[in-house]
Amino acid sequence: MYSVLYPEKLGNKILCQSNTKRVRDMWHTLWLLREVWMTVGLEKLENYKGIVVKVLLDSGAIGLLMDTKFTKEKRFKLERLKNPLLVQNVDRTINMGGAITYQVECNMFFKGYIKRA
């Protein structure tokens, strides 16, 4: 097995010092590919008014998430959850932003595909 980013961790024959520039260039390339944004339409269920927004594809989150400030600015109908959902970071610590306490239902449109979210 060969790791491009950390060859020394897998016992590769190539020394890390002689490979530094290639590793740095590869890391920079992969870092740029970490975020994929796409444009989707969101439709409110209560009045069928739609907006177009840029969304982050595959952020690593388990579900679809929307910022509370964004929902209030765009006047989405918030429904309080009976049981708040604790949010954990990748390192399993509790997120400082607090628990998820509300949900929003809307239709999401992308290139002819519609999903209730």
Protein backbone atom coordinates (compact mmCIF):
# COMPACT_ATOMS: atom_id res chain seq x y z
CA MET A 1 0.00 0.00 0.00
CA TYR A 2 1.30 3.50 -0.79
CA SER A 3 0.23 6.80 0.76
CA VAL A 4 0.89 9.87 -1.37
CA LEU A 5 0.36 12.26 1.53
CA TYR A 6 2.16 10.40 4.29
CA PRO A 7 4.57 7.87 2.76
CA GLU A 8 6.56 7.53 6.00
CA LYS A 9 3.53 6.22 7.89
CA LEU A 10 3.18 3.14 5.71
CA GLY A 11 6.88 2.25 5.58
CA ASN A 12 7.38 3.18 1.94
CA LYS A 13 10.87 3.02 0.51
CA ILE A 14 10.77 6.64 -0.66
CA LEU A 15 12.02 8.99 2.04
CA CYS A 16 9.63 11.74 2.99
CA GLN A 17 12.34 14.47 2.83
CA SER A 18 13.14 13.77 -0.82
CA ASN A 19 9.46 13.68 -1.69
CA THR A 20 8.35 16.86 0.11
CA LYS A 21 7.51 19.01 -2.93
CA ARG A 22 5.47 16.26 -4.61
CA VAL A 23 3.60 15.58 -1.39
CA ARG A 24 2.92 19.29 -0.87
CA ASP A 25 1.66 19.67 -4.47
CA MET A 26 -0.59 16.61 -4.13
CA TRP A 27 -1.96 17.83 -0.78
CA HIS A 28 -2.76 21.24 -2.33
CA THR A 29 -4.57 19.56 -5.24
CA LEU A 30 -6.60 17.29 -2.96
CA TRP A 31 -7.45 20.18 -0.63
CA LEU A 32 -9.02 22.07 -3.54
CA LEU A 33 -11.17 19.03 -4.38
CA ARG A 34 -12.52 18.68 -0.83
CA GLU A 35 -15.45 21.05 -1.40
CA VAL A 36 -18.02 20.52 -4.12
CA TRP A 37 -20.74 23.15 -4.39
CA MET A 38 -23.84 22.90 -6.55
CA THR A 39 -26.87 25.06 -7.22
CA VAL A 40 -30.30 23.68 -6.25
CA GLY A 41 -33.81 25.02 -5.90
CA LEU A 42 -35.66 24.90 -2.58
CA GLU A 43 -39.45 25.19 -2.45
CA LYS A 44 -41.39 26.04 0.70
CA LEU A 45 -44.29 23.65 1.24
CA GLU A 46 -46.68 26.14 2.83
CA ASN A 47 -46.76 28.59 -0.11
CA TYR A 48 -44.77 26.85 -2.89
CA LYS A 49 -42.40 29.80 -3.22
CA GLY A 50 -38.95 28.80 -4.38
CA ILE A 51 -35.42 30.09 -4.05
CA VAL A 52 -32.16 29.12 -5.71
CA VAL A 53 -29.22 28.44 -3.39
CA LYS A 54 -25.67 27.07 -3.51
CA VAL A 55 -25.25 23.95 -1.38
CA LEU A 56 -22.25 21.95 -0.23
CA LEU A 57 -22.34 18.41 -1.58
CA ASP A 58 -21.22 15.67 0.82
CA SER A 59 -19.99 17.76 3.71
CA GLY A 60 -19.56 14.58 5.73
CA ALA A 61 -22.70 15.24 7.75
CA ILE A 62 -25.09 12.36 8.31
CA GLY A 63 -28.14 14.35 7.21
CA LEU A 64 -29.23 17.44 5.31
CA LEU A 65 -28.54 20.54 7.38
CA MET A 66 -29.65 24.16 7.06
CA ASP A 67 -28.41 27.09 9.12
CA THR A 68 -30.95 28.63 11.52
CA LYS A 69 -30.06 32.17 10.45
CA PHE A 70 -30.61 31.20 6.80
CA THR A 71 -34.04 29.66 7.57
CA LYS A 72 -35.19 32.80 9.35
CA GLU A 73 -33.88 35.14 6.61
CA LYS A 74 -35.64 33.10 3.91
CA ARG A 75 -38.76 32.63 6.10
CA PHE A 76 -38.91 28.85 6.15
CA LYS A 77 -41.43 27.35 8.55
CA LEU A 78 -39.55 25.92 11.55
CA GLU A 79 -41.00 22.93 13.41
CA ARG A 80 -39.65 22.17 16.90
CA LEU A 81 -38.30 18.65 17.36
CA LYS A 82 -39.68 16.63 20.28
CA ASN A 83 -36.19 15.27 20.98
CA PRO A 84 -33.25 17.57 20.14
CA LEU A 85 -30.39 15.92 18.22
CA LEU A 86 -26.90 16.23 19.70
CA VAL A 87 -24.29 17.22 17.15
CA GLN A 88 -20.87 15.58 17.35
CA ASN A 89 -17.72 16.69 15.59
CA VAL A 90 -15.49 14.29 13.67
CA ASP A 91 -13.39 13.78 16.81
CA ARG A 92 -16.55 12.79 18.74
CA THR A 93 -16.66 15.96 20.86
CA ILE A 94 -19.99 17.77 21.27
CA ASN A 95 -20.34 20.67 18.82
CA MET A 96 -20.26 24.12 20.43
CA GLY A 97 -23.17 25.23 18.24
CA GLY A 98 -25.50 23.13 20.37
CA ALA A 99 -28.17 20.59 19.56
CA ILE A 100 -30.48 20.61 16.55
CA THR A 101 -33.86 21.72 17.91
CA TYR A 102 -35.88 22.50 14.77
CA GLN A 103 -36.57 20.95 11.40
CA VAL A 104 -37.68 22.36 8.06
CA GLU A 105 -39.49 20.47 5.32
CA CYS A 106 -39.13 21.59 1.72
CA ASN A 107 -38.83 20.28 -1.81
CA MET A 108 -35.37 20.26 -3.34
CA PHE A 109 -34.92 20.48 -7.11
CA PHE A 110 -31.82 19.59 -9.12
CA LYS A 111 -31.77 19.03 -12.91
CA GLY A 112 -35.29 17.59 -13.07
CA TYR A 113 -34.92 15.56 -9.89
CA ILE A 114 -37.25 16.43 -6.98
CA LYS A 115 -36.79 15.30 -3.38
CA ARG A 116 -38.78 16.07 -0.24
CA ALA A 117 -36.17 17.03 2.33
